[in-house]
Amino acid sequence: MRAMNTIPATLAIHGGAGTILRETTLPAVEQAYLDALQDILRAGEQLLARGAPALEVVVECVRLLEENERFNAGRGAVYTADATHELDASVMDGHTRRAGAVAGLRSTRNPVRAARAVMEASGHVMLIGAAADAFAAAQGLEQVSPDWFGTPERLAQLRRAQGVGTAAILDHDGAQPPLDERHKFGTVGAVALDAHGRLAAATSTGGMTNKHPGRVGDSPILGAGCYADGTVAVSCTGTGEAFMRVLAAHEMSAQMRYLGRSLAEAGRDVVDTLLPAVAGQGGLIAVSHTGEICLPFNTEGMYRGWVRCGQAPEARIFR
């Protein structure tokens, strides 16, 4: 049996990044987002305290984020230009480097669970579209009507985007959100270090409002929007094409392993230097094998939270 780690088990989650509108934010709405993040962190911390592996913890935390329509993943996912939903997700186990990803799902209730099933039961790393939904169904994962993912607020956002000729809007334009939802990057994710020193990451998204059908961003791309190895676990949120171009998640590990940089140093370089060089906006969450946490972003805010086993969770939106 693997020896217990002396470093406290650690968890971080995110629910997207974007432009701050503190002056128009209703305190009750801001608190509702913070409460949602803290509730999910508590659920994850309880799993870690029972000795659950990091992979199980990040999948469950992302599943809970997918179930909360405030965030753009699963229930409450944004619409494509064709008024449909196409959902993406990925998971990676840092201890084994096993990974799974799905793209363009339309009927699997929890894409993150489908990504895990791909990792564990398909013999592949990524499945897409109707075949991925069929595979998930064959694995016993719950299927729903495609309209289950939508909400009136998401549909109204699509109609507004199409009405003004906007090519695509990042995340949703809900009622009184803490962040300006026209400039908010809609992805959710979780990273964890468990009691045995194992790392894992998971990321899930509904994509971009009014996106071209078939568009795939960084969330299901290993090394771009999600990555874990023996050094670090990373989940990203932002302008997906930019995160793919700089391989943002893998870059964190590479800088730490090859340049000897700390987690914080690598995070700041990726977010403040590499991403802006290709017009990239957003942020990431990461936890290292030594239990360090960093949650950098180059936007005005990011839905984020963290907890160490045995401690109270912390959640933030603004700087």
C-alpha atoms as a PDB file:
ATOM      1  CA  MET A   1       0.000   0.000   0.000  1.00  0.00           C
ATOM      2  CA  ARG A   2       1.267   3.474  -0.894  1.00  0.00           C
ATOM      3  CA  ALA A   3       2.404   5.429   2.171  1.00  0.00           C
ATOM      4  CA  MET A   4       0.328   8.377   3.322  1.00  0.00           C
ATOM      5  CA  ASN A   5       1.634  11.780   2.295  1.00  0.00           C
ATOM      6  CA  THR A   6       2.770  14.156   5.055  1.00  0.00           C
ATOM      7  CA  ILE A   7       1.556  17.165   3.034  1.00  0.00           C
ATOM      8  CA  PRO A   8      -2.128  17.999   3.649  1.00  0.00           C
ATOM      9  CA  ALA A   9      -4.447  16.927   0.866  1.00  0.00           C
ATOM     10  CA  THR A  10      -5.368  19.993  -1.170  1.00  0.00           C
ATOM     11  CA  LEU A  11      -8.139  20.970  -3.586  1.00  0.00           C
ATOM     12  CA  ALA A  12      -8.793  23.994  -5.813  1.00  0.00           C
ATOM     13  CA  ILE A  13     -11.711  24.678  -8.156  1.00  0.00           C
ATOM     14  CA  HIS A  14     -12.719  27.363 -10.644  1.00  0.00           C
ATOM     15  CA  GLY A  15     -15.888  28.411 -12.417  1.00  0.00           C
ATOM     16  CA  GLY A  16     -14.645  30.849 -15.049  1.00  0.00           C
ATOM     17  CA  ALA A  17     -12.885  34.211 -15.322  1.00  0.00           C
ATOM     18  CA  GLY A  18     -13.834  37.580 -16.729  1.00  0.00           C
ATOM     19  CA  THR A  19     -14.455  41.298 -16.421  1.00  0.00           C
ATOM     20  CA  ILE A  20     -15.355  42.648 -13.013  1.00  0.00           C
ATOM     21  CA  LEU A  21     -18.514  44.684 -12.458  1.00  0.00           C
ATOM     22  CA  ARG A  22     -18.331  45.142  -8.716  1.00  0.00           C
ATOM     23  CA  GLU A  23     -20.329  48.368  -8.834  1.00  0.00           C
ATOM     24  CA  THR A  24     -23.351  46.614 -10.374  1.00  0.00           C
ATOM     25  CA  THR A  25     -23.113  43.378  -8.426  1.00  0.00           C
ATOM     26  CA  LEU A  26     -25.907  42.591  -6.008  1.00  0.00           C
ATOM     27  CA  PRO A  27     -24.360  41.345  -2.742  1.00  0.00           C
ATOM     28  CA  ALA A  28     -26.862  38.500  -2.530  1.00  0.00           C
ATOM     29  CA  VAL A  29     -25.946  37.272  -5.999  1.00  0.00           C
ATOM     30  CA  GLU A  30     -22.232  37.477  -5.284  1.00  0.00           C
ATOM     31  CA  GLN A  31     -22.785  35.532  -2.081  1.00  0.00           C
ATOM     32  CA  ALA A  32     -24.765  32.868  -3.931  1.00  0.00           C
ATOM     33  CA  TYR A  33     -21.764  32.216  -6.198  1.00  0.00           C
ATOM     34  CA  LEU A  34     -19.397  32.103  -3.215  1.00  0.00           C
ATOM     35  CA  ASP A  35     -21.724  29.744  -1.356  1.00  0.00           C
ATOM     36  CA  ALA A  36     -21.874  27.429  -4.359  1.00  0.00           C
ATOM     37  CA  LEU A  37     -18.080  27.297  -4.584  1.00  0.00           C
ATOM     38  CA  GLN A  38     -17.701  26.691  -0.847  1.00  0.00           C
ATOM     39  CA  ASP A  39     -20.307  23.922  -0.828  1.00  0.00           C
ATOM     40  CA  ILE A  40     -18.432  22.096  -3.576  1.00  0.00           C
ATOM     41  CA  LEU A  41     -15.116  22.594  -1.791  1.00  0.00           C
ATOM     42  CA  ARG A  42     -16.590  21.112   1.386  1.00  0.00           C
ATOM     43  CA  ALA A  43     -17.817  18.077  -0.520  1.00  0.00           C
ATOM     44  CA  GLY A  44     -14.373  17.613  -2.048  1.00  0.00           C
ATOM     45  CA  GLU A  45     -12.588  18.101   1.278  1.00  0.00           C
ATOM     46  CA  GLN A  46     -14.753  15.399   2.857  1.00  0.00           C
ATOM     47  CA  LEU A  47     -13.718  12.987   0.124  1.00  0.00           C
ATOM     48  CA  LEU A  48     -10.049  13.852   0.615  1.00  0.00           C
ATOM     49  CA  ALA A  49     -10.393  13.408   4.368  1.00  0.00           C
ATOM     50  CA  ARG A  50     -11.694   9.873   3.786  1.00  0.00           C
ATOM     51  CA  GLY A  51      -8.646   9.087   1.678  1.00  0.00           C
ATOM     52  CA  ALA A  52     -10.310   9.291  -1.728  1.00  0.00           C
ATOM     53  CA  PRO A  53      -7.889   9.440  -4.679  1.00  0.00           C
ATOM     54  CA  ALA A  54      -7.370  12.809  -6.340  1.00  0.00           C
ATOM     55  CA  LEU A  55      -8.999  11.620  -9.561  1.00  0.00           C
ATOM     56  CA  GLU A  56     -12.232  10.751  -7.790  1.00  0.00           C
ATOM     57  CA  VAL A  57     -12.261  14.109  -6.017  1.00  0.00           C
ATOM     58  CA  VAL A  58     -11.766  16.283  -9.106  1.00  0.00           C
ATOM     59  CA  VAL A  59     -14.364  14.350 -11.095  1.00  0.00           C
ATOM     60  CA  GLU A  60     -16.939  14.732  -8.341  1.00  0.00           C
ATOM     61  CA  CYS A  61     -16.231  18.457  -7.869  1.00  0.00           C
ATOM     62  CA  VAL A  62     -16.554  19.115 -11.593  1.00  0.00           C
ATOM     63  CA  ARG A  63     -19.733  17.038 -11.693  1.00  0.00           C
ATOM     64  CA  LEU A  64     -21.200  19.277  -9.001  1.00  0.00           C
ATOM     65  CA  LEU A  65     -20.196  22.353 -10.989  1.00  0.00           C
ATOM     66  CA  GLU A  66     -21.863  20.826 -14.061  1.00  0.00           C
ATOM     67  CA  GLU A  67     -25.075  20.450 -12.045  1.00  0.00           C
ATOM     68  CA  ASN A  68     -25.125  24.129 -11.063  1.00  0.00           C
ATOM     69  CA  GLU A  69     -26.648  26.249 -13.824  1.00  0.00           C
ATOM     70  CA  ARG A  70     -24.781  29.354 -12.659  1.00  0.00           C
ATOM     71  CA  PHE A  71     -21.730  27.910 -14.401  1.00  0.00           C
ATOM     72  CA  ASN A  72     -21.219  27.128 -18.077  1.00  0.00           C
ATOM     73  CA  ALA A  73     -20.863  23.337 -18.003  1.00  0.00           C
ATOM     74  CA  GLY A  74     -23.590  20.716 -18.065  1.00  0.00           C
ATOM     75  CA  ARG A  75     -26.875  22.226 -16.878  1.00  0.00           C
ATOM     76  CA  GLY A  76     -26.780  25.889 -17.905  1.00  0.00           C
ATOM     77  CA  ALA A  77     -24.398  25.357 -20.817  1.00  0.00           C
ATOM     78  CA  VAL A  78     -24.401  28.047 -23.488  1.00  0.00           C
ATOM     79  CA  TYR A  79     -25.884  27.670 -26.959  1.00  0.00           C
ATOM     80  CA  THR A  80     -24.157  27.286 -30.304  1.00  0.00           C
ATOM     81  CA  ALA A  81     -25.153  29.402 -33.302  1.00  0.00           C
ATOM     82  CA  ASP A  82     -27.627  26.638 -34.183  1.00  0.00           C
ATOM     83  CA  ALA A  83     -29.280  26.899 -30.739  1.00  0.00           C
ATOM     84  CA  THR A  84     -27.864  23.533 -29.688  1.00  0.00           C
ATOM     85  CA  HIS A  85     -25.473  22.471 -26.949  1.00  0.00           C
ATOM     86  CA  GLU A  86     -22.054  20.902 -27.466  1.00  0.00           C
ATOM     87  CA  LEU A  87     -20.174  20.018 -24.295  1.00  0.00           C
ATOM     88  CA  ASP A  88     -16.498  19.191 -23.771  1.00  0.00           C
ATOM     89  CA  ALA A  89     -14.550  17.746 -20.831  1.00  0.00           C
ATOM     90  CA  SER A  90     -11.299  16.055 -19.872  1.00  0.00           C
ATOM     91  CA  VAL A  91      -9.659  14.341 -16.909  1.00  0.00           C
ATOM     92  CA  MET A  92      -6.065  13.340 -16.200  1.00  0.00           C
ATOM     93  CA  ASP A  93      -4.489  11.236 -13.460  1.00  0.00           C
ATOM     94  CA  GLY A  94      -1.022  12.599 -12.727  1.00  0.00           C
ATOM     95  CA  HIS A  95       0.250   9.438 -11.032  1.00  0.00           C
ATOM     96  CA  THR A  96      -0.290   7.247 -14.107  1.00  0.00           C
ATOM     97  CA  ARG A  97      -0.750   9.932 -16.804  1.00  0.00           C
ATOM     98  CA  ARG A  98      -3.886   8.144 -17.873  1.00  0.00           C
ATOM     99  CA  ALA A  99      -6.363  10.563 -19.393  1.00  0.00           C
ATOM    100  CA  GLY A 100      -9.739  10.786 -21.079  1.00  0.00           C
ATOM    101  CA  ALA A 101     -11.582  13.477 -22.998  1.00  0.00           C
ATOM    102  CA  VAL A 102     -14.854  14.069 -24.826  1.00  0.00           C
ATOM    103  CA  ALA A 103     -15.993  16.802 -27.203  1.00  0.00           C
ATOM    104  CA  GLY A 104     -19.298  17.814 -28.736  1.00  0.00           C
ATOM    105  CA  LEU A 105     -21.550  15.876 -26.354  1.00  0.00           C
ATOM    106  CA  ARG A 106     -25.272  16.551 -26.669  1.00  0.00           C
ATOM    107  CA  SER A 107     -27.033  14.123 -24.354  1.00  0.00           C
ATOM    108  CA  THR A 108     -24.690  12.900 -21.593  1.00  0.00           C
ATOM    109  CA  ARG A 109     -25.719  14.637 -18.391  1.00  0.00           C
ATOM    110  CA  ASN A 110     -22.218  14.860 -16.906  1.00  0.00           C
ATOM    111  CA  PRO A 111     -19.471  15.199 -19.526  1.00  0.00           C
ATOM    112  CA  VAL A 112     -16.732  14.871 -16.906  1.00  0.00           C
ATOM    113  CA  ARG A 113     -17.966  11.380 -16.092  1.00  0.00           C
ATOM    114  CA  ALA A 114     -17.911  10.542 -19.781  1.00  0.00           C
ATOM    115  CA  ALA A 115     -14.297  11.712 -19.969  1.00  0.00           C
ATOM    116  CA  ARG A 116     -13.403   9.434 -17.071  1.00  0.00           C
ATOM    117  CA  ALA A 117     -15.195   6.535 -18.742  1.00  0.00           C
ATOM    118  CA  VAL A 118     -13.175   7.111 -21.912  1.00  0.00           C
ATOM    119  CA  MET A 119     -10.012   6.936 -19.832  1.00  0.00           C
ATOM    120  CA  GLU A 120     -10.992   3.789 -17.990  1.00  0.00           C
ATOM    121  CA  ALA A 121     -12.994   1.758 -20.485  1.00  0.00           C
ATOM    122  CA  SER A 122     -12.395   2.778 -24.102  1.00  0.00           C
ATOM    123  CA  GLY A 123      -8.733   2.100 -24.734  1.00  0.00           C
ATOM    124  CA  HIS A 124      -8.541   5.605 -26.212  1.00  0.00           C
ATOM    125  CA  VAL A 125      -7.951   9.138 -24.937  1.00  0.00           C
ATOM    126  CA  MET A 126     -10.674  11.111 -26.756  1.00  0.00           C
ATOM    127  CA  LEU A 127     -14.089  10.440 -28.236  1.00  0.00           C
ATOM    128  CA  ILE A 128     -16.284  13.027 -29.936  1.00  0.00           C
ATOM    129  CA  GLY A 129     -19.868  13.749 -30.896  1.00  0.00           C
ATOM    130  CA  ALA A 130     -22.657  11.216 -31.148  1.00  0.00           C
ATOM    131  CA  ALA A 131     -20.215   8.315 -30.804  1.00  0.00           C
ATOM    132  CA  ALA A 132     -19.022   9.715 -27.481  1.00  0.00           C
ATOM    133  CA  ASP A 133     -22.599  10.039 -26.222  1.00  0.00           C
ATOM    134  CA  ALA A 134     -23.316   6.472 -27.337  1.00  0.00           C
ATOM    135  CA  PHE A 135     -20.213   5.217 -25.578  1.00  0.00           C
ATOM    136  CA  ALA A 136     -21.191   7.042 -22.380  1.00  0.00           C
ATOM    137  CA  ALA A 137     -24.664   5.547 -22.541  1.00  0.00           C
ATOM    138  CA  ALA A 138     -23.188   2.062 -23.004  1.00  0.00           C
ATOM    139  CA  GLN A 139     -21.168   2.662 -19.841  1.00  0.00           C
ATOM    140  CA  GLY A 140     -24.358   3.346 -17.923  1.00  0.00           C
ATOM    141  CA  LEU A 141     -23.999   7.124 -17.725  1.00  0.00           C
ATOM    142  CA  GLU A 142     -27.235   9.085 -17.533  1.00  0.00           C
ATOM    143  CA  GLN A 143     -28.549  10.497 -20.788  1.00  0.00           C
ATOM    144  CA  VAL A 144     -30.896  13.482 -20.956  1.00  0.00           C
ATOM    145  CA  SER A 145     -32.882  15.327 -23.573  1.00  0.00           C
ATOM    146  CA  PRO A 146     -30.649  17.966 -25.204  1.00  0.00           C
ATOM    147  CA  ASP A 147     -32.945  20.727 -23.949  1.00  0.00           C
ATOM    148  CA  TRP A 148     -32.120  19.721 -20.352  1.00  0.00           C
ATOM    149  CA  PHE A 149     -28.869  21.692 -20.597  1.00  0.00           C
ATOM    150  CA  GLY A 150     -30.492  24.952 -21.612  1.00  0.00           C
ATOM    151  CA  THR A 151     -32.030  27.717 -19.541  1.00  0.00           C
ATOM    152  CA  PRO A 152     -34.132  30.721 -20.583  1.00  0.00           C
ATOM    153  CA  GLU A 153     -31.267  33.036 -19.657  1.00  0.00           C
ATOM    154  CA  ARG A 154     -28.830  31.180 -21.927  1.00  0.00           C
ATOM    155  CA  LEU A 155     -31.260  31.244 -24.835  1.00  0.00           C
ATOM    156  CA  ALA A 156     -31.887  34.949 -24.337  1.00  0.00           C
ATOM    157  CA  GLN A 157     -28.143  35.535 -24.413  1.00  0.00           C
ATOM    158  CA  LEU A 158     -27.878  33.721 -27.730  1.00  0.00           C
ATOM    159  CA  ARG A 159     -30.688  35.812 -29.208  1.00  0.00           C
ATOM    160  CA  ARG A 160     -28.992  39.005 -28.053  1.00  0.00           C
ATOM    161  CA  ALA A 161     -25.670  37.909 -29.531  1.00  0.00           C
ATOM    162  CA  GLN A 162     -27.293  37.062 -32.858  1.00  0.00           C
ATOM    163  CA  GLY A 163     -29.337  40.233 -32.809  1.00  0.00           C
ATOM    164  CA  VAL A 164     -26.257  42.453 -32.644  1.00  0.00           C
ATOM    165  CA  GLY A 165     -24.219  40.301 -35.008  1.00  0.00           C
ATOM    166  CA  THR A 166     -21.712  39.198 -32.400  1.00  0.00           C
ATOM    167  CA  ALA A 167     -19.553  36.340 -33.657  1.00  0.00           C
ATOM    168  CA  ALA A 168     -19.316  34.651 -30.279  1.00  0.00           C
ATOM    169  CA  ILE A 169     -19.699  35.552 -26.626  1.00  0.00           C
ATOM    170  CA  LEU A 170     -17.625  33.894 -23.958  1.00  0.00           C
ATOM    171  CA  ASP A 171     -19.931  32.347 -21.357  1.00  0.00           C
ATOM    172  CA  HIS A 172     -23.370  33.562 -20.400  1.00  0.00           C
ATOM    173  CA  ASP A 173     -25.171  36.856 -19.901  1.00  0.00           C
ATOM    174  CA  GLY A 174     -27.250  35.944 -16.885  1.00  0.00           C
ATOM    175  CA  ALA A 175     -29.202  38.162 -14.522  1.00  0.00           C
ATOM    176  CA  GLN A 176     -26.989  40.230 -12.236  1.00  0.00           C
ATOM    177  CA  PRO A 177     -23.873  38.019 -12.177  1.00  0.00           C
ATOM    178  CA  PRO A 178     -20.768  39.248 -10.326  1.00  0.00           C
ATOM    179  CA  LEU A 179     -18.783  39.198 -13.562  1.00  0.00           C
ATOM    180  CA  ASP A 180     -19.734  40.862 -16.832  1.00  0.00           C
ATOM    181  CA  GLU A 181     -21.007  37.732 -18.498  1.00  0.00           C
ATOM    182  CA  ARG A 182     -20.405  39.152 -21.984  1.00  0.00           C
ATOM    183  CA  HIS A 183     -16.702  38.960 -21.165  1.00  0.00           C
ATOM    184  CA  LYS A 184     -16.594  35.926 -18.918  1.00  0.00           C
ATOM    185  CA  PHE A 185     -14.860  32.728 -19.928  1.00  0.00           C
ATOM    186  CA  GLY A 186     -17.101  29.815 -19.167  1.00  0.00           C
ATOM    187  CA  THR A 187     -15.229  26.776 -18.010  1.00  0.00           C
ATOM    188  CA  VAL A 188     -15.183  24.848 -14.752  1.00  0.00           C
ATOM    189  CA  GLY A 189     -12.374  22.783 -13.325  1.00  0.00           C
ATOM    190  CA  ALA A 190     -10.762  21.147 -10.317  1.00  0.00           C
ATOM    191  CA  VAL A 191      -7.253  20.102  -9.312  1.00  0.00           C
ATOM    192  CA  ALA A 192      -6.274  18.036  -6.287  1.00  0.00           C
ATOM    193  CA  LEU A 193      -3.401  16.507  -4.336  1.00  0.00           C
ATOM    194  CA  ASP A 194      -4.598  13.553  -2.284  1.00  0.00           C
ATOM    195  CA  ALA A 195      -3.388  11.991   0.962  1.00  0.00           C
ATOM    196  CA  HIS A 196      -1.095   9.633  -0.970  1.00  0.00           C
ATOM    197  CA  GLY A 197       0.609  12.439  -2.909  1.00  0.00           C
ATOM    198  CA  ARG A 198      -1.239  11.796  -6.170  1.00  0.00           C
ATOM    199  CA  LEU A 199      -2.315  14.646  -8.428  1.00  0.00           C
ATOM    200  CA  ALA A 200      -5.284  14.909 -10.797  1.00  0.00           C
ATOM    201  CA  ALA A 201      -7.090  17.525 -12.878  1.00  0.00           C
ATOM    202  CA  ALA A 202     -10.494  17.810 -14.564  1.00  0.00           C
ATOM    203  CA  THR A 203     -12.029  20.492 -16.798  1.00  0.00           C
ATOM    204  CA  SER A 204     -15.494  20.873 -18.366  1.00  0.00           C
ATOM    205  CA  THR A 205     -17.257  23.488 -20.478  1.00  0.00           C
ATOM    206  CA  GLY A 206     -20.253  24.377 -22.592  1.00  0.00           C
ATOM    207  CA  GLY A 207     -18.029  26.479 -24.836  1.00  0.00           C
ATOM    208  CA  MET A 208     -18.873  29.906 -26.263  1.00  0.00           C
ATOM    209  CA  THR A 209     -22.285  31.431 -26.868  1.00  0.00           C
ATOM    210  CA  ASN A 210     -23.064  31.563 -30.594  1.00  0.00           C
ATOM    211  CA  LYS A 211     -19.990  29.480 -31.417  1.00  0.00           C
ATOM    212  CA  HIS A 212     -19.754  27.741 -34.756  1.00  0.00           C
ATOM    213  CA  PRO A 213     -21.150  24.208 -34.410  1.00  0.00           C
ATOM    214  CA  GLY A 214     -18.258  21.803 -34.092  1.00  0.00           C
ATOM    215  CA  ARG A 215     -15.926  24.316 -32.464  1.00  0.00           C
ATOM    216  CA  VAL A 216     -13.715  22.734 -29.813  1.00  0.00           C
ATOM    217  CA  GLY A 217     -11.725  24.824 -27.349  1.00  0.00           C
ATOM    218  CA  ASP A 218      -8.947  24.000 -24.919  1.00  0.00           C
ATOM    219  CA  SER A 219     -10.984  22.262 -22.218  1.00  0.00           C
ATOM    220  CA  PRO A 220     -10.788  18.722 -23.664  1.00  0.00           C
ATOM    221  CA  ILE A 221      -7.268  19.213 -25.037  1.00  0.00           C
ATOM    222  CA  LEU A 222      -4.674  17.655 -22.755  1.00  0.00           C
ATOM    223  CA  GLY A 223      -1.796  20.027 -22.099  1.00  0.00           C
ATOM    224  CA  ALA A 224      -3.866  23.045 -23.126  1.00  0.00           C
ATOM    225  CA  GLY A 225      -6.861  23.303 -20.797  1.00  0.00           C
ATOM    226  CA  CYS A 226      -6.144  20.332 -18.543  1.00  0.00           C
ATOM    227  CA  TYR A 227      -3.008  18.485 -17.463  1.00  0.00           C
ATOM    228  CA  ALA A 228      -1.579  16.484 -14.576  1.00  0.00           C
ATOM    229  CA  ASP A 229       1.679  14.621 -13.982  1.00  0.00           C
ATOM    230  CA  GLY A 230       3.845  13.929 -10.959  1.00  0.00           C
ATOM    231  CA  THR A 231       4.764  17.605 -10.625  1.00  0.00           C
ATOM    232  CA  VAL A 232       1.554  19.583 -10.973  1.00  0.00           C
ATOM    233  CA  ALA A 233      -2.153  19.449 -11.807  1.00  0.00           C
ATOM    234  CA  VAL A 234      -3.651  22.310 -13.846  1.00  0.00           C
ATOM    235  CA  SER A 235      -7.088  23.366 -15.090  1.00  0.00           C
ATOM    236  CA  CYS A 236      -7.530  26.457 -17.280  1.00  0.00           C
ATOM    237  CA  THR A 237     -10.269  28.901 -18.201  1.00  0.00           C
ATOM    238  CA  GLY A 238     -10.136  31.577 -20.865  1.00  0.00           C
ATOM    239  CA  THR A 239      -9.887  32.203 -24.585  1.00  0.00           C
ATOM    240  CA  GLY A 240      -9.463  28.576 -25.551  1.00  0.00           C
ATOM    241  CA  GLU A 241      -7.674  29.098 -28.828  1.00  0.00           C
ATOM    242  CA  ALA A 242      -4.908  31.032 -27.047  1.00  0.00           C
ATOM    243  CA  PHE A 243      -4.524  28.381 -24.348  1.00  0.00           C
ATOM    244  CA  MET A 244      -4.124  25.783 -27.080  1.00  0.00           C
ATOM    245  CA  ARG A 245      -1.514  27.836 -28.906  1.00  0.00           C
ATOM    246  CA  VAL A 246       0.747  28.099 -25.856  1.00  0.00           C
ATOM    247  CA  LEU A 247      -0.119  24.698 -24.344  1.00  0.00           C
ATOM    248  CA  ALA A 248      -0.812  26.583 -21.139  1.00  0.00           C
ATOM    249  CA  ALA A 249      -1.418  23.677 -18.771  1.00  0.00           C
ATOM    250  CA  HIS A 250       1.620  21.670 -19.863  1.00  0.00           C
ATOM    251  CA  GLU A 251       3.754  24.806 -19.845  1.00  0.00           C
ATOM    252  CA  MET A 252       3.264  24.974 -16.075  1.00  0.00           C
ATOM    253  CA  SER A 253       4.838  21.548 -15.638  1.00  0.00           C
ATOM    254  CA  ALA A 254       7.602  22.192 -18.161  1.00  0.00           C
ATOM    255  CA  GLN A 255       8.737  25.395 -16.483  1.00  0.00           C
ATOM    256  CA  MET A 256       8.792  23.738 -13.079  1.00  0.00           C
ATOM    257  CA  ARG A 257      10.635  20.627 -14.257  1.00  0.00           C
ATOM    258  CA  TYR A 258      13.088  22.107 -16.732  1.00  0.00           C
ATOM    259  CA  LEU A 259      13.626  25.652 -15.447  1.00  0.00           C
ATOM    260  CA  GLY A 260      13.269  24.949 -11.745  1.00  0.00           C
ATOM    261  CA  ARG A 261      10.587  27.578 -11.337  1.00  0.00           C
ATOM    262  CA  SER A 262       8.159  27.551  -8.453  1.00  0.00           C
ATOM    263  CA  LEU A 263       4.471  26.970  -9.081  1.00  0.00           C
ATOM    264  CA  ALA A 264       3.742  30.664  -8.574  1.00  0.00           C
ATOM    265  CA  GLU A 265       6.537  31.750 -10.927  1.00  0.00           C
ATOM    266  CA  ALA A 266       5.351  29.415 -13.668  1.00  0.00           C
ATOM    267  CA  GLY A 267       1.762  30.503 -13.215  1.00  0.00           C
ATOM    268  CA  ARG A 268       2.560  34.183 -13.508  1.00  0.00           C
ATOM    269  CA  ASP A 269       4.689  33.653 -16.612  1.00  0.00           C
ATOM    270  CA  VAL A 270       1.962  31.671 -18.367  1.00  0.00           C
ATOM    271  CA  VAL A 271      -0.852  34.034 -17.437  1.00  0.00           C
ATOM    272  CA  ASP A 272       0.935  37.381 -17.619  1.00  0.00           C
ATOM    273  CA  THR A 273       3.419  36.795 -20.453  1.00  0.00           C
ATOM    274  CA  LEU A 274       2.701  33.827 -22.708  1.00  0.00           C
ATOM    275  CA  LEU A 275      -1.074  34.209 -22.977  1.00  0.00           C
ATOM    276  CA  PRO A 276      -1.161  37.987 -23.585  1.00  0.00           C
ATOM    277  CA  ALA A 277       1.415  37.495 -26.363  1.00  0.00           C
ATOM    278  CA  VAL A 278      -1.293  35.657 -28.315  1.00  0.00           C
ATOM    279  CA  ALA A 279      -4.204  37.817 -27.101  1.00  0.00           C
ATOM    280  CA  GLY A 280      -5.132  35.270 -24.448  1.00  0.00           C
ATOM    281  CA  GLN A 281      -7.322  36.197 -21.503  1.00  0.00           C
ATOM    282  CA  GLY A 282      -8.324  34.094 -18.547  1.00  0.00           C
ATOM    283  CA  GLY A 283      -6.662  32.202 -15.750  1.00  0.00           C
ATOM    284  CA  LEU A 284      -5.827  28.822 -14.288  1.00  0.00           C
ATOM    285  CA  ILE A 285      -5.749  26.879 -11.061  1.00  0.00           C
ATOM    286  CA  ALA A 286      -2.872  24.604 -10.128  1.00  0.00           C
ATOM    287  CA  VAL A 287      -1.612  22.513  -7.230  1.00  0.00           C
ATOM    288  CA  SER A 288       1.890  21.073  -7.035  1.00  0.00           C
ATOM    289  CA  HIS A 289       3.209  17.809  -5.606  1.00  0.00           C
ATOM    290  CA  THR A 290       4.463  19.799  -2.595  1.00  0.00           C
ATOM    291  CA  GLY A 291       1.003  21.185  -1.874  1.00  0.00           C
ATOM    292  CA  GLU A 292       1.511  24.682  -3.280  1.00  0.00           C
ATOM    293  CA  ILE A 293      -1.552  26.345  -4.780  1.00  0.00           C
ATOM    294  CA  CYS A 294      -1.722  29.125  -7.351  1.00  0.00           C
ATOM    295  CA  LEU A 295      -4.786  30.677  -8.985  1.00  0.00           C
ATOM    296  CA  PRO A 296      -3.519  33.440 -11.310  1.00  0.00           C
ATOM    297  CA  PHE A 297      -5.661  35.302 -13.846  1.00  0.00           C
ATOM    298  CA  ASN A 298      -5.204  38.296 -16.129  1.00  0.00           C
ATOM    299  CA  THR A 299      -8.865  39.319 -16.194  1.00  0.00           C
ATOM    300  CA  GLU A 300     -10.594  41.390 -13.519  1.00  0.00           C
ATOM    301  CA  GLY A 301     -12.006  38.392 -11.722  1.00  0.00           C
ATOM    302  CA  MET A 302     -12.228  34.612 -11.559  1.00  0.00           C
ATOM    303  CA  TYR A 303     -14.647  32.335  -9.746  1.00  0.00           C
ATOM    304  CA  ARG A 304     -12.239  30.300  -7.628  1.00  0.00           C
ATOM    305  CA  GLY A 305     -11.777  28.533  -4.329  1.00  0.00           C
ATOM    306  CA  TRP A 306      -9.430  26.256  -2.443  1.00  0.00           C
ATOM    307  CA  VAL A 307      -9.258  24.117   0.670  1.00  0.00           C
ATOM    308  CA  ARG A 308      -6.712  22.032   2.555  1.00  0.00           C
ATOM    309  CA  CYS A 309      -7.831  18.919   4.339  1.00  0.00           C
ATOM    310  CA  GLY A 310      -9.055  19.777   7.824  1.00  0.00           C
ATOM    311  CA  GLN A 311      -9.381  23.489   7.107  1.00  0.00           C
ATOM    312  CA  ALA A 312     -12.259  25.770   6.124  1.00  0.00           C
ATOM    313  CA  PRO A 313     -12.702  26.446   2.390  1.00  0.00           C
ATOM    314  CA  GLU A 314     -11.919  29.826   0.852  1.00  0.00           C
ATOM    315  CA  ALA A 315     -13.723  31.267  -2.169  1.00  0.00           C
ATOM    316  CA  ARG A 316     -13.170  34.455  -4.150  1.00  0.00           C
ATOM    317  CA  ILE A 317     -14.482  36.206  -7.257  1.00  0.00           C
ATOM    318  CA  PHE A 318     -12.708  39.548  -7.388  1.00  0.00           C
ATOM    319  CA  ARG A 319      -9.070  40.408  -6.835  1.00  0.00           C
END
